Amino acid sequence: MCDLPFSKEIKIPIIRVNIYERSKNGVILPVVSYSAAGNPLSTQERFEENIVVPKRYGKGKNIIAVKIRGDSMKDVGIDDESIVLVKTGSHFKSGMIGIATLGVQYDFGTTCKKIVYEKGEYRLISLNSEKNYEDIVVRSGELRYVGEVVGIYQLETD
C-alpha cells in the first residue's frame, strides 16, 4: 500500500508479480490503452501488452489494465509508465482515484486523477507535491467515469 502523510485516506494496493512466477495461478489481462496523469490525452483503445495478475484481480471482476503517461499522481505511487488496474462499472464515490474521459473541450481525452464531486461539478485533482498542477474543473455532463483505480501493477525481476 502507498500511504502518504497528506493523503492518508488514499491507499492503492501495489500488486507485485515476480517475473518467474507470473504464470502460476494468475489471470492474463491485456493492457488496453493509456491514460494521462496530467492534461487529458485523446486516446483510442488499443492493445499494448499482456500482464498476469493474481486471480483475485482478474477473471470476472470487470478489471482492465491501463498504462499511465505523466507524473501528476506521483504522490500515490502512480508514476509515468505505471500500469494501473481499473475496476470498470464501479459506482463513483467522491474522493476516489479514478480514470475519467472528459468532453469535447478536452478532445474526449482520458486522465487519472483524484475525482471530487461538488456543487454540480467534478474537480480532478493532481497529487504531486513537487509540482503545482492546477485542478481541472468540468460540469457534470462533460465527464464520463471509466472506473476506480484498484491497484498498481509492478513486475519484480528477482
Protein backbone atom coordinates (compact mmCIF):
# COMPACT_ATOMS: atom_id res chain seq x y z
CA MET A 1 0.00 0.00 0.00
CA CYS A 2 1.10 3.51 -0.72
CA ASP A 3 0.34 5.69 2.34
CA LEU A 4 1.29 9.36 2.31
CA PRO A 5 1.14 11.81 5.23
CA PHE A 6 -1.11 14.35 3.48
CA SER A 7 -3.35 11.77 1.79
CA LYS A 8 -3.92 9.13 4.46
CA GLU A 9 -7.40 8.32 3.13
CA ILE A 10 -5.93 7.27 -0.23
CA LYS A 11 -4.42 3.80 -0.31
CA ILE A 12 -3.83 1.96 -3.55
CA PRO A 13 -2.52 -1.59 -3.28
CA ILE A 14 0.67 -2.38 -5.14
CA ILE A 15 0.36 -5.71 -6.94
CA ARG A 16 3.86 -7.16 -7.17
CA VAL A 17 4.25 -10.06 -9.59
CA ASN A 18 7.52 -11.98 -9.83
CA ILE A 19 8.62 -12.37 -13.44
CA TYR A 20 9.47 -16.04 -12.87
CA GLU A 21 6.19 -16.94 -11.17
CA ARG A 22 3.76 -14.77 -13.09
CA SER A 23 2.17 -17.64 -14.99
CA LYS A 24 1.36 -19.62 -11.82
CA ASN A 25 -2.18 -19.14 -10.54
CA GLY A 26 -2.63 -15.91 -12.44
CA VAL A 27 -5.02 -14.34 -14.89
CA ILE A 28 -3.90 -12.68 -18.11
CA LEU A 29 -5.14 -9.11 -18.55
CA PRO A 30 -4.50 -7.05 -21.67
CA VAL A 31 -3.17 -3.53 -21.19
CA VAL A 32 -5.77 -1.98 -23.45
CA SER A 33 -4.74 1.66 -23.74
CA TYR A 34 -3.16 4.52 -21.93
CA SER A 35 -4.37 7.47 -19.91
CA ALA A 36 -2.78 10.72 -18.89
CA ALA A 37 -1.86 11.61 -15.37
CA GLY A 38 -1.97 15.29 -16.27
CA ASN A 39 -3.80 17.08 -19.03
CA PRO A 40 -6.24 14.64 -20.65
CA LEU A 41 -4.86 12.66 -23.61
CA SER A 42 -7.02 11.83 -26.58
CA THR A 43 -6.72 8.06 -26.82
CA GLN A 44 -8.08 5.15 -28.73
CA GLU A 45 -8.49 1.79 -27.09
CA ARG A 46 -5.65 -0.35 -28.34
CA PHE A 47 -3.68 -3.35 -27.18
CA GLU A 48 -0.30 -2.58 -25.57
CA GLU A 49 0.76 -5.87 -23.94
CA ASN A 50 -0.47 -8.65 -21.65
CA ILE A 51 0.18 -8.79 -17.93
CA VAL A 52 -0.50 -11.57 -15.43
CA VAL A 53 -2.19 -10.65 -12.16
CA PRO A 54 -3.34 -12.72 -9.16
CA LYS A 55 -6.78 -14.28 -9.70
CA ARG A 56 -8.43 -12.01 -7.16
CA TYR A 57 -7.79 -9.06 -9.52
CA GLY A 58 -8.74 -10.79 -12.74
CA LYS A 59 -11.39 -13.06 -14.14
CA GLY A 60 -14.97 -11.86 -13.78
CA LYS A 61 -14.04 -8.72 -11.85
CA ASN A 62 -14.51 -6.06 -14.62
CA ILE A 63 -10.84 -5.15 -14.30
CA ILE A 64 -8.86 -3.51 -17.10
CA ALA A 65 -5.19 -2.58 -17.13
CA VAL A 66 -4.25 0.93 -18.25
CA LYS A 67 -0.78 2.40 -18.84
CA ILE A 68 -0.34 5.88 -17.37
CA ARG A 69 1.52 8.74 -19.04
CA GLY A 70 2.60 11.63 -16.82
CA ASP A 71 3.58 12.36 -13.22
CA SER A 72 0.66 14.22 -11.69
CA MET A 73 -0.30 11.23 -9.50
CA LYS A 74 3.20 10.54 -8.22
CA ASP A 75 2.32 11.05 -4.55
CA VAL A 76 0.03 7.99 -4.55
CA GLY A 77 2.62 5.80 -6.27
CA ILE A 78 1.40 6.21 -9.86
CA ASP A 79 4.44 7.22 -11.90
CA ASP A 80 4.92 7.84 -15.61
CA GLU A 81 4.61 4.48 -17.46
CA SER A 82 2.91 2.79 -14.47
CA ILE A 83 0.27 0.21 -15.21
CA VAL A 84 -2.83 0.54 -13.06
CA LEU A 85 -5.74 -1.84 -12.60
CA VAL A 86 -9.10 -0.15 -13.02
CA LYS A 87 -12.43 -1.59 -11.90
CA THR A 88 -14.92 -0.55 -14.55
CA GLY A 89 -18.59 -0.28 -13.81
CA SER A 90 -17.93 0.57 -10.19
CA HIS A 91 -20.03 3.28 -8.64
CA PHE A 92 -18.42 6.69 -8.41
CA LYS A 93 -17.56 7.87 -4.91
CA SER A 94 -16.32 11.42 -4.46
CA GLY A 95 -12.65 11.49 -3.46
CA MET A 96 -11.56 8.28 -5.18
CA ILE A 97 -8.67 7.88 -7.61
CA GLY A 98 -10.15 7.06 -10.98
CA ILE A 99 -9.94 7.25 -14.74
CA ALA A 100 -12.31 9.65 -16.49
CA THR A 101 -12.96 10.70 -20.07
CA LEU A 102 -13.61 14.40 -20.48
CA GLY A 103 -15.82 16.11 -23.07
CA VAL A 104 -15.25 17.99 -26.28
CA GLN A 105 -13.32 20.82 -24.57
CA TYR A 106 -10.58 18.24 -23.85
CA ASP A 107 -10.91 16.31 -27.16
CA PHE A 108 -12.55 13.46 -25.26
CA GLY A 109 -9.24 12.74 -23.55
CA THR A 110 -8.74 10.47 -20.55
CA THR A 111 -6.95 11.24 -17.33
CA CYS A 112 -6.17 9.62 -13.98
CA LYS A 113 -6.95 11.88 -11.02
CA LYS A 114 -8.49 12.15 -7.60
CA ILE A 115 -12.08 12.97 -8.57
CA VAL A 116 -14.24 15.08 -6.28
CA TYR A 117 -17.86 15.97 -7.00
CA GLU A 118 -19.09 19.27 -5.56
CA LYS A 119 -21.94 21.62 -6.48
CA GLY A 120 -22.70 20.09 -9.89
CA GLU A 121 -19.07 19.99 -10.98
CA TYR A 122 -16.25 17.48 -10.96
CA ARG A 123 -12.88 18.62 -9.67
CA LEU A 124 -9.99 16.50 -10.95
CA ILE A 125 -7.08 16.87 -8.56
CA SER A 126 -3.42 16.05 -9.19
CA LEU A 127 -1.43 14.51 -6.34
CA ASN A 128 2.17 15.56 -6.91
CA SER A 129 3.62 17.68 -4.10
CA GLU A 130 6.74 18.52 -6.16
CA LYS A 131 4.77 20.32 -8.86
CA ASN A 132 1.94 22.79 -8.68
CA TYR A 133 -0.60 21.37 -11.13
CA GLU A 134 -3.92 23.17 -11.38
CA ASP A 135 -7.14 21.28 -10.80
CA ILE A 136 -9.34 20.55 -13.80
CA VAL A 137 -12.97 21.51 -13.23
CA VAL A 138 -15.73 20.23 -15.53
CA ARG A 139 -19.51 20.32 -15.42
CA SER A 140 -21.38 17.15 -14.64
CA GLY A 141 -22.30 16.34 -18.27
CA GLU A 142 -18.72 16.75 -19.51
CA LEU A 143 -17.23 13.75 -17.70
CA ARG A 144 -17.66 10.02 -18.25
CA TYR A 145 -16.41 7.99 -15.33
CA VAL A 146 -14.44 4.93 -16.53
CA GLY A 147 -13.62 3.34 -13.19
CA GLU A 148 -11.74 3.29 -9.92
CA VAL A 149 -8.01 2.60 -9.71
CA VAL A 150 -7.80 -0.51 -7.52
CA GLY A 151 -4.13 -1.42 -7.89
CA ILE A 152 -0.71 -0.51 -9.24
CA TYR A 153 0.97 -3.35 -11.13
CA GLN A 154 4.70 -3.92 -10.58
CA LEU A 155 6.76 -6.68 -12.18
CA GLU A 156 9.62 -7.89 -9.98
CA THR A 157 12.70 -9.44 -11.57
CA ASP A 158 14.23 -11.13 -8.53
